[in-house]
Amino acid sequence: MSASTEIRTLTPPDIVGRKNGTPIVCLTAYTTPMARLVDRHCDVVLVGDSVGMVLHGLPSTLGVTLDMMILHGKAVRRGVERALIVVDMPFGSYEEGPEQAFRNAARIMAETGCAAVKLEGGKTMAETIRFLTGRGIPAMAHVGLTPQSVNVFGGYKVQGRGHDADRILQDAVAVAEAGAFSVVLEKVAEPLARRIAKKIGIPTIGIGASAACDGQILVVDDMLGMFSAFRPKFVKRYAELGDRMDAAIAAYADDVRERRFPGPDHVFGDVPKAVKGGTAA
């Protein structure tokens, strides 16, 4: 392949440059086949710690480990050519302090080949974000509803209503000033998300926030209708693959029980069938 036809991989500065421009398209992915599909259409592929709930059946993201994130990060890296890959830092891998965060983020980047990490938290994580970015690790921030703090919030509740809006706004400003190249706004009241998008100088990536954000992200299994443990209001189903998969598996089970499968086209005889110009191997 010549240099002129090589695919250029997006970088964190490319994403920063999209502020107030063409909306940034982001989806999660956890496997190589899904990463290949997502890469064709997206600017950012997030290896989210939602993998714990979506693929591993955990009740929340709190049980996700660093090894799990690295395993899935490697799988996604094999399937992506163009999009920016960001890997979530799991609960307990960065909250202790900047040094712990750097050690674990460096391991994630070295072992997966991702271009950036994402960590949850606003003002409390500003020092850590500044420490990471100052040492060559691009950081995506995440404020509003931060799932790793679900027990503190008392559930997956909308954030930023009433007097709480100031807290979320201050969090967004703090991570932007600390050097984050973008920030996810999750389940933030729409007027506040719109206000934040206008106020800070880095791209805002909405999930249950506002169309005024600089980009949007969803869990790919949610938007394809493959994960039905719960269905947040902010998820738009672009397909119902879960229902189609269930029907296909049921049809297979019926064929096996009725001995319709395997049929003649799916088994092998004693003598190879003759083929034009000779015999089959």
Protein backbone atom coordinates (compact mmCIF):
# COMPACT_ATOMS: atom_id res chain seq x y z
CA MET A 1 0.00 0.00 0.00
CA SER A 2 1.41 3.40 -0.96
CA ALA A 3 1.76 6.21 1.53
CA SER A 4 -0.97 8.14 -0.29
CA THR A 5 -3.52 5.39 0.32
CA GLU A 6 -2.66 4.60 3.92
CA ILE A 7 -5.44 5.16 6.47
CA ARG A 8 -4.62 7.92 8.93
CA THR A 9 -5.56 7.22 12.52
CA LEU A 10 -7.25 10.06 14.38
CA THR A 11 -5.44 11.58 17.35
CA PRO A 12 -6.53 13.51 20.46
CA PRO A 13 -5.56 16.85 18.82
CA ASP A 14 -7.82 15.92 15.88
CA ILE A 15 -10.71 15.51 18.31
CA VAL A 16 -9.93 18.82 20.02
CA GLY A 17 -9.99 20.44 16.59
CA ARG A 18 -13.58 19.33 16.11
CA LYS A 19 -14.84 21.68 18.82
CA ASN A 20 -17.84 23.54 17.39
CA GLY A 21 -17.40 21.64 14.13
CA THR A 22 -18.83 18.47 12.60
CA PRO A 23 -20.23 16.39 15.49
CA ILE A 24 -17.92 13.66 16.77
CA VAL A 25 -19.36 10.14 16.39
CA CYS A 26 -18.45 7.75 19.22
CA LEU A 27 -19.50 4.21 20.11
CA THR A 28 -18.25 1.55 22.49
CA ALA A 29 -16.73 -1.71 21.35
CA TYR A 30 -15.31 -4.67 23.23
CA THR A 31 -14.44 -7.23 20.54
CA THR A 32 -12.48 -7.30 17.27
CA PRO A 33 -15.48 -7.98 14.97
CA MET A 34 -17.52 -5.16 16.49
CA ALA A 35 -14.53 -2.83 16.42
CA ARG A 36 -14.15 -3.41 12.67
CA LEU A 37 -17.78 -2.45 12.10
CA VAL A 38 -17.68 0.60 14.35
CA ASP A 39 -14.38 1.84 12.91
CA ARG A 40 -15.98 2.31 9.48
CA HIS A 41 -18.32 4.99 10.78
CA CYS A 42 -16.97 6.44 14.03
CA ASP A 43 -14.34 8.95 15.07
CA VAL A 44 -13.82 7.57 18.58
CA VAL A 45 -14.10 3.97 19.76
CA LEU A 46 -14.39 3.66 23.53
CA VAL A 47 -13.48 0.41 25.22
CA GLY A 48 -15.87 1.13 28.05
CA ASP A 49 -15.97 -0.48 31.47
CA SER A 50 -19.62 -1.12 30.58
CA VAL A 51 -18.11 -4.34 29.20
CA GLY A 52 -18.55 -5.73 32.70
CA MET A 53 -22.32 -5.44 32.46
CA VAL A 54 -22.76 -6.03 28.73
CA LEU A 55 -20.45 -9.00 28.19
CA HIS A 56 -19.63 -10.32 31.65
CA GLY A 57 -23.03 -10.11 33.33
CA LEU A 58 -21.89 -7.97 36.26
CA PRO A 59 -24.53 -5.87 38.07
CA SER A 60 -22.47 -2.68 37.67
CA THR A 61 -19.08 -1.51 36.41
CA LEU A 62 -17.50 -1.75 39.86
CA GLY A 63 -16.27 -5.33 39.40
CA VAL A 64 -14.34 -4.60 36.21
CA THR A 65 -10.58 -5.14 36.54
CA LEU A 66 -7.55 -3.64 34.85
CA ASP A 67 -6.81 -7.00 33.23
CA MET A 68 -10.31 -7.11 31.75
CA MET A 69 -9.92 -3.66 30.24
CA ILE A 70 -6.54 -4.56 28.76
CA LEU A 71 -7.89 -7.82 27.32
CA HIS A 72 -10.75 -6.05 25.55
CA GLY A 73 -8.54 -3.10 24.61
CA LYS A 74 -6.21 -5.47 22.75
CA ALA A 75 -9.16 -7.04 20.94
CA VAL A 76 -10.48 -3.65 19.82
CA ARG A 77 -7.02 -2.49 18.72
CA ARG A 78 -6.90 -5.43 16.26
CA GLY A 79 -10.09 -4.22 14.61
CA VAL A 80 -9.51 -0.46 14.36
CA GLU A 81 -7.57 1.41 11.67
CA ARG A 82 -8.98 4.95 11.61
CA ALA A 83 -10.79 5.82 14.84
CA LEU A 84 -9.21 7.09 18.04
CA ILE A 85 -9.23 4.31 20.64
CA VAL A 86 -9.90 5.33 24.24
CA VAL A 87 -9.86 2.79 27.08
CA ASP A 88 -11.71 3.29 30.36
CA MET A 89 -9.72 3.14 33.56
CA PRO A 90 -11.67 0.82 35.87
CA PHE A 91 -12.81 1.55 39.39
CA GLY A 92 -9.93 1.52 41.87
CA SER A 93 -7.19 1.93 39.28
CA TYR A 94 -6.69 5.71 39.56
CA GLU A 95 -8.55 7.22 42.53
CA GLU A 96 -5.68 6.72 44.98
CA GLY A 97 -3.60 9.45 43.38
CA PRO A 98 -1.79 10.69 40.28
CA GLU A 99 1.09 8.23 40.58
CA GLN A 100 -1.24 5.22 40.73
CA ALA A 101 -3.23 6.61 37.81
CA PHE A 102 -0.08 7.13 35.72
CA ARG A 103 1.24 3.64 36.46
CA ASN A 104 -2.00 1.96 35.42
CA ALA A 105 -2.71 4.27 32.47
CA ALA A 106 0.79 3.69 31.14
CA ARG A 107 0.24 -0.06 31.37
CA ILE A 108 -3.08 0.22 29.51
CA MET A 109 -1.54 2.26 26.71
CA ALA A 110 1.57 0.11 26.41
CA GLU A 111 -0.31 -3.21 26.35
CA THR A 112 -3.32 -2.23 24.22
CA GLY A 113 -1.91 0.35 21.82
CA CYS A 114 -4.76 2.76 22.60
CA ALA A 115 -4.24 6.50 22.18
CA ALA A 116 -5.92 7.74 25.36
CA VAL A 117 -7.61 6.74 28.59
CA LYS A 118 -10.85 7.90 30.19
CA LEU A 119 -11.41 8.46 33.88
CA GLU A 120 -14.46 9.55 35.82
CA GLY A 121 -14.62 12.59 38.06
CA GLY A 122 -14.46 16.36 37.90
CA LYS A 123 -12.64 18.69 40.29
CA THR A 124 -11.36 15.77 42.35
CA MET A 125 -9.63 14.34 39.26
CA ALA A 126 -8.21 17.60 37.92
CA GLU A 127 -4.81 17.09 39.55
CA THR A 128 -4.63 13.55 38.19
CA ILE A 129 -5.58 14.64 34.67
CA ARG A 130 -2.91 17.35 34.80
CA PHE A 131 -0.35 14.78 35.97
CA LEU A 132 -1.23 12.33 33.19
CA THR A 133 -1.30 14.83 30.34
CA GLY A 134 1.96 16.36 31.51
CA ARG A 135 3.56 12.94 31.13
CA GLY A 136 2.30 12.04 27.69
CA ILE A 137 -1.01 10.33 28.46
CA PRO A 138 -4.03 11.99 26.80
CA ALA A 139 -7.06 11.90 29.07
CA MET A 140 -10.76 12.01 28.33
CA ALA A 141 -12.78 13.15 31.33
CA HIS A 142 -16.28 12.06 32.40
CA VAL A 143 -18.62 14.14 34.55
CA GLY A 144 -22.29 14.20 35.46
CA LEU A 145 -23.51 10.70 36.17
CA THR A 146 -20.33 8.72 36.77
CA PRO A 147 -21.34 5.03 36.95
CA GLN A 148 -18.39 4.08 39.15
CA SER A 149 -19.94 6.34 41.82
CA VAL A 150 -23.42 4.87 41.49
CA ASN A 151 -23.54 3.96 45.18
CA VAL A 152 -22.82 7.56 46.16
CA PHE A 153 -25.54 8.87 43.85
CA GLY A 154 -28.03 6.26 45.06
CA GLY A 155 -28.72 5.00 41.54
CA TYR A 156 -28.48 6.09 37.93
CA LYS A 157 -30.09 9.49 38.43
CA VAL A 158 -30.12 12.59 36.24
CA GLN A 159 -27.44 15.05 37.36
CA GLY A 160 -27.27 18.84 37.24
CA ARG A 161 -30.78 19.89 38.12
CA GLY A 162 -31.40 22.90 40.32
CA HIS A 163 -28.53 23.88 42.62
CA ASP A 164 -26.59 20.78 41.50
CA ALA A 165 -25.94 22.45 38.15
CA ASP A 166 -23.11 24.55 39.59
CA ARG A 167 -21.28 21.44 40.75
CA ILE A 168 -21.39 19.81 37.31
CA LEU A 169 -20.39 23.03 35.57
CA GLN A 170 -17.42 23.47 37.90
CA ASP A 171 -16.39 19.86 37.27
CA ALA A 172 -16.44 20.39 33.51
CA VAL A 173 -14.45 23.60 33.74
CA ALA A 174 -11.92 21.96 36.07
CA VAL A 175 -11.16 18.99 33.79
CA ALA A 176 -10.89 21.28 30.76
CA GLU A 177 -8.43 23.55 32.54
CA ALA A 178 -6.47 20.48 33.72
CA GLY A 179 -5.78 19.42 30.14
CA ALA A 180 -8.41 16.82 29.24
CA PHE A 181 -8.85 16.70 25.46
CA SER A 182 -12.60 16.04 25.74
CA VAL A 183 -15.24 15.33 28.36
CA VAL A 184 -18.19 12.96 28.45
CA LEU A 185 -21.38 14.47 29.89
CA GLU A 186 -23.57 11.61 31.07
CA LYS A 187 -27.23 11.94 32.03
CA VAL A 188 -26.90 15.68 32.54
CA ALA A 189 -29.98 17.91 32.34
CA GLU A 190 -30.22 19.24 28.77
CA PRO A 191 -30.06 22.99 29.53
CA LEU A 192 -26.93 22.48 31.62
CA ALA A 193 -25.25 20.27 29.00
CA ARG A 194 -25.93 22.97 26.38
CA ARG A 195 -24.46 25.59 28.70
CA ILE A 196 -21.31 23.54 29.35
CA ALA A 197 -20.79 22.89 25.63
CA LYS A 198 -20.76 26.64 25.03
CA LYS A 199 -18.58 27.50 28.01
CA ILE A 200 -15.60 25.14 27.86
CA GLY A 201 -13.00 24.99 25.11
CA ILE A 202 -12.78 21.21 24.70
CA PRO A 203 -15.28 18.93 22.94
CA THR A 204 -18.21 17.68 24.98
CA ILE A 205 -19.41 14.15 24.24
CA GLY A 206 -23.02 13.63 25.27
CA ILE A 207 -24.80 10.52 26.47
CA GLY A 208 -28.22 11.45 27.74
CA ALA A 209 -27.21 15.12 27.61
CA SER A 210 -27.85 17.45 24.65
CA ALA A 211 -27.70 17.57 20.86
CA ALA A 212 -25.70 20.77 21.39
CA CYS A 213 -22.75 18.69 22.57
CA ASP A 214 -19.79 18.41 20.19
CA GLY A 215 -20.37 14.66 19.84
CA GLN A 216 -22.44 11.74 21.03
CA ILE A 217 -21.70 8.29 22.41
CA LEU A 218 -23.81 5.21 23.09
CA VAL A 219 -23.08 1.64 24.14
CA VAL A 220 -23.18 -0.20 20.82
CA ASP A 221 -25.07 -3.18 22.25
CA ASP A 222 -27.75 -0.79 23.51
CA MET A 223 -28.30 1.00 20.21
CA LEU A 224 -28.37 -2.30 18.31
CA GLY A 225 -30.92 -3.83 20.67
CA MET A 226 -28.58 -6.59 21.84
CA PHE A 227 -28.51 -5.69 25.55
CA SER A 228 -31.84 -5.56 27.32
CA ALA A 229 -31.03 -5.78 31.04
CA PHE A 230 -32.26 -2.19 31.20
CA ARG A 231 -33.14 0.46 28.64
CA PRO A 232 -32.26 4.06 29.54
CA LYS A 233 -34.42 6.83 28.11
CA PHE A 234 -31.43 8.31 26.30
CA VAL A 235 -30.84 5.19 24.18
CA LYS A 236 -32.27 5.19 20.68
CA ARG A 237 -32.59 1.68 19.27
CA TYR A 238 -31.41 1.66 15.67
CA ALA A 239 -32.08 -2.09 15.39
CA GLU A 240 -33.60 -4.91 17.42
CA LEU A 241 -30.90 -7.49 16.81
CA GLY A 242 -31.61 -9.18 20.12
CA ASP A 243 -35.06 -10.25 18.91
CA ARG A 244 -33.66 -11.43 15.58
CA MET A 245 -30.91 -13.39 17.28
CA ASP A 246 -33.42 -15.02 19.63
CA ALA A 247 -35.58 -16.06 16.66
CA ALA A 248 -32.57 -17.48 14.81
CA ILE A 249 -31.43 -19.51 17.82
CA ALA A 250 -34.99 -20.82 18.34
CA ALA A 251 -35.15 -21.89 14.66
CA TYR A 252 -31.84 -23.70 15.01
CA ALA A 253 -33.01 -25.48 18.17
CA ASP A 254 -36.22 -26.59 16.42
CA ASP A 255 -34.27 -27.91 13.41
CA VAL A 256 -31.96 -29.93 15.64
CA ARG A 257 -34.81 -31.44 17.66
CA GLU A 258 -36.76 -32.31 14.49
CA ARG A 259 -33.60 -33.69 12.80
CA ARG A 260 -33.88 -31.16 9.97
CA PHE A 261 -30.32 -30.04 10.70
CA PRO A 262 -27.82 -31.06 9.58
CA GLY A 263 -29.23 -31.74 6.10
CA PRO A 264 -27.59 -33.26 3.03
CA ASP A 265 -25.76 -30.02 2.24
CA HIS A 266 -24.10 -29.94 5.67
CA VAL A 267 -22.60 -33.46 5.88
CA PHE A 268 -19.94 -35.44 3.99
CA GLY A 269 -20.35 -38.71 2.05
CA ASP A 270 -17.92 -41.63 1.69
CA VAL A 271 -17.09 -40.76 -1.92
CA PRO A 272 -16.19 -37.19 -2.94
CA LYS A 273 -18.59 -35.64 -5.43
CA ALA A 274 -17.27 -35.34 -8.98
CA VAL A 275 -16.45 -31.81 -10.07
CA LYS A 276 -15.92 -30.36 -13.51
CA GLY A 277 -12.43 -31.10 -14.76
CA GLY A 278 -11.72 -33.79 -12.18
CA THR A 279 -12.78 -34.96 -8.74
CA ALA A 280 -13.11 -33.17 -5.49
CA ALA A 281 -10.29 -33.45 -3.02
